[in-house]
Amino acid sequence: MASIYKSQTGQQAVEQLYRDVLQRWPVANRHVVIPTRQGDTNSVYAVFSSVDTR
C-alpha cells in the first residue's frame, strides 16, 4: 500500500502533532490499533469513570 506521506520527516511531524494534540485533550482517553484488511488503523476513545457521584 502506498504511503499517504511524501517523506519520513513529514510522517514523523504529523504523528508528533497528533500525539501533542491528544495530550492536551481534556478528556481521559485510550488508544488502540485495529487491524483491518486495508492495514492497521488507530482509534481513540474517551474513558469515563464508572464512579457514582450521587
N, C-alpha and C. Protein backbone atom coordinates (compact mmCIF):
# COMPACT_ATOMS: atom_id res chain seq x y z
N MET A 1 0.84 -1.17 0.00
CA MET A 1 0.00 0.00 0.00
C MET A 1 0.89 1.24 0.00
N ALA A 2 0.52 2.21 -0.80
CA ALA A 2 1.29 3.45 -0.88
C ALA A 2 1.10 4.27 0.39
N SER A 3 2.12 5.00 0.76
CA SER A 3 2.07 5.84 1.95
C SER A 3 1.32 7.14 1.63
N ILE A 4 0.66 7.68 2.64
CA ILE A 4 0.00 8.97 2.47
C ILE A 4 0.98 10.12 2.69
N TYR A 5 2.18 9.81 3.13
CA TYR A 5 3.19 10.83 3.43
C TYR A 5 4.18 10.95 2.28
N LYS A 6 4.66 12.16 2.06
CA LYS A 6 5.64 12.40 0.99
C LYS A 6 7.05 12.08 1.45
N SER A 7 7.26 12.09 2.79
CA SER A 7 8.59 11.80 3.30
C SER A 7 8.48 11.24 4.72
N GLN A 8 9.54 10.61 5.16
CA GLN A 8 9.62 10.09 6.53
C GLN A 8 9.55 11.25 7.53
N THR A 9 10.20 12.35 7.19
CA THR A 9 10.19 13.53 8.06
C THR A 9 8.77 14.08 8.20
N GLY A 10 8.03 14.13 7.09
CA GLY A 10 6.65 14.59 7.13
C GLY A 10 5.78 13.68 7.98
N GLN A 11 5.98 12.37 7.86
CA GLN A 11 5.23 11.41 8.65
C GLN A 11 5.50 11.63 10.13
N GLN A 12 6.75 11.78 10.49
CA GLN A 12 7.10 11.98 11.89
C GLN A 12 6.50 13.28 12.44
N ALA A 13 6.48 14.33 11.64
CA ALA A 13 5.92 15.61 12.07
C ALA A 13 4.42 15.50 12.33
N VAL A 14 3.71 14.84 11.44
CA VAL A 14 2.26 14.66 11.60
C VAL A 14 1.96 13.80 12.83
N GLU A 15 2.71 12.72 13.00
CA GLU A 15 2.47 11.83 14.14
C GLU A 15 2.77 12.54 15.47
N GLN A 16 3.81 13.38 15.49
CA GLN A 16 4.13 14.12 16.71
C GLN A 16 3.02 15.14 17.03
N LEU A 17 2.53 15.82 16.02
CA LEU A 17 1.44 16.77 16.22
C LEU A 17 0.20 16.06 16.77
N TYR A 18 -0.10 14.91 16.22
CA TYR A 18 -1.22 14.09 16.67
C TYR A 18 -1.07 13.75 18.16
N ARG A 19 0.10 13.31 18.57
CA ARG A 19 0.33 12.97 19.98
C ARG A 19 0.22 14.21 20.87
N ASP A 20 0.75 15.34 20.40
CA ASP A 20 0.68 16.58 21.18
C ASP A 20 -0.76 17.03 21.40
N VAL A 21 -1.57 16.97 20.35
CA VAL A 21 -2.98 17.37 20.46
C VAL A 21 -3.71 16.44 21.43
N LEU A 22 -3.48 15.16 21.34
CA LEU A 22 -4.16 14.22 22.24
C LEU A 22 -3.75 14.42 23.70
N GLN A 23 -2.51 14.80 23.94
CA GLN A 23 -2.08 15.07 25.32
C GLN A 23 -2.82 16.25 25.91
N ARG A 24 -3.19 17.21 25.08
CA ARG A 24 -3.90 18.40 25.56
C ARG A 24 -5.42 18.21 25.61
N TRP A 25 -5.91 17.12 25.07
CA TRP A 25 -7.34 16.85 25.06
C TRP A 25 -7.81 16.72 26.50
N PRO A 26 -8.83 17.48 26.94
CA PRO A 26 -9.22 17.49 28.35
C PRO A 26 -10.07 16.30 28.78
N VAL A 27 -10.14 15.27 27.97
CA VAL A 27 -10.92 14.08 28.28
C VAL A 27 -9.97 12.89 28.37
N ALA A 28 -10.12 12.10 29.44
CA ALA A 28 -9.31 10.88 29.54
C ALA A 28 -9.58 10.01 28.32
N ASN A 29 -8.52 9.43 27.76
CA ASN A 29 -8.70 8.64 26.55
C ASN A 29 -7.73 7.48 26.47
N ARG A 30 -8.06 6.56 25.62
CA ARG A 30 -7.22 5.39 25.37
C ARG A 30 -7.04 5.27 23.86
N HIS A 31 -5.97 4.62 23.47
CA HIS A 31 -5.65 4.44 22.06
C HIS A 31 -5.56 2.94 21.79
N VAL A 32 -6.04 2.54 20.65
CA VAL A 32 -5.96 1.15 20.26
C VAL A 32 -5.69 1.09 18.75
N VAL A 33 -4.89 0.13 18.34
CA VAL A 33 -4.63 -0.11 16.92
C VAL A 33 -5.53 -1.26 16.49
N ILE A 34 -6.29 -1.04 15.43
CA ILE A 34 -7.22 -2.05 14.94
C ILE A 34 -6.74 -2.54 13.58
N PRO A 35 -6.44 -3.84 13.49
CA PRO A 35 -6.02 -4.37 12.20
C PRO A 35 -7.22 -4.51 11.26
N THR A 36 -7.06 -4.08 10.01
CA THR A 36 -8.11 -4.23 9.00
C THR A 36 -7.50 -4.80 7.73
N ARG A 37 -8.34 -5.16 6.79
CA ARG A 37 -7.83 -5.67 5.52
C ARG A 37 -7.05 -4.61 4.76
N GLN A 38 -7.34 -3.34 5.05
CA GLN A 38 -6.67 -2.24 4.38
C GLN A 38 -5.37 -1.83 5.08
N GLY A 39 -5.10 -2.43 6.23
CA GLY A 39 -3.94 -2.07 7.04
C GLY A 39 -4.40 -1.62 8.42
N ASP A 40 -3.47 -1.42 9.30
CA ASP A 40 -3.81 -1.02 10.66
C ASP A 40 -4.35 0.40 10.69
N THR A 41 -5.28 0.63 11.62
CA THR A 41 -5.81 1.97 11.83
C THR A 41 -5.85 2.26 13.32
N ASN A 42 -5.69 3.52 13.67
CA ASN A 42 -5.71 3.92 15.07
C ASN A 42 -7.09 4.39 15.47
N SER A 43 -7.47 4.07 16.68
CA SER A 43 -8.75 4.54 17.21
C SER A 43 -8.49 5.13 18.59
N VAL A 44 -9.14 6.25 18.86
CA VAL A 44 -9.03 6.90 20.17
C VAL A 44 -10.44 6.95 20.74
N TYR A 45 -10.57 6.56 22.00
CA TYR A 45 -11.89 6.61 22.62
C TYR A 45 -11.80 7.23 24.00
N ALA A 46 -12.88 7.91 24.38
CA ALA A 46 -12.94 8.56 25.68
C ALA A 46 -13.17 7.52 26.77
N VAL A 47 -12.60 7.78 27.93
CA VAL A 47 -12.75 6.89 29.08
C VAL A 47 -13.49 7.67 30.16
N PHE A 48 -14.63 7.14 30.57
CA PHE A 48 -15.42 7.79 31.61
C PHE A 48 -15.39 6.95 32.87
N SER A 49 -15.37 7.62 34.00
CA SER A 49 -15.35 6.94 35.29
C SER A 49 -16.70 6.29 35.54
N SER A 50 -16.68 5.13 36.14
CA SER A 50 -17.93 4.44 36.49
C SER A 50 -18.31 4.72 37.95
N VAL A 51 -17.64 5.67 38.57
CA VAL A 51 -17.92 6.00 39.97
C VAL A 51 -19.21 6.79 40.05
N ASP A 52 -20.09 6.38 40.94
CA ASP A 52 -21.36 7.07 41.15
C ASP A 52 -21.11 8.33 41.97
N THR A 53 -21.45 9.49 41.42
CA THR A 53 -21.16 10.75 42.10
C THR A 53 -22.36 11.31 42.86
N ARG A 54 -23.42 10.51 43.04
CA ARG A 54 -24.59 10.98 43.78
C ARG A 54 -24.32 11.10 45.24
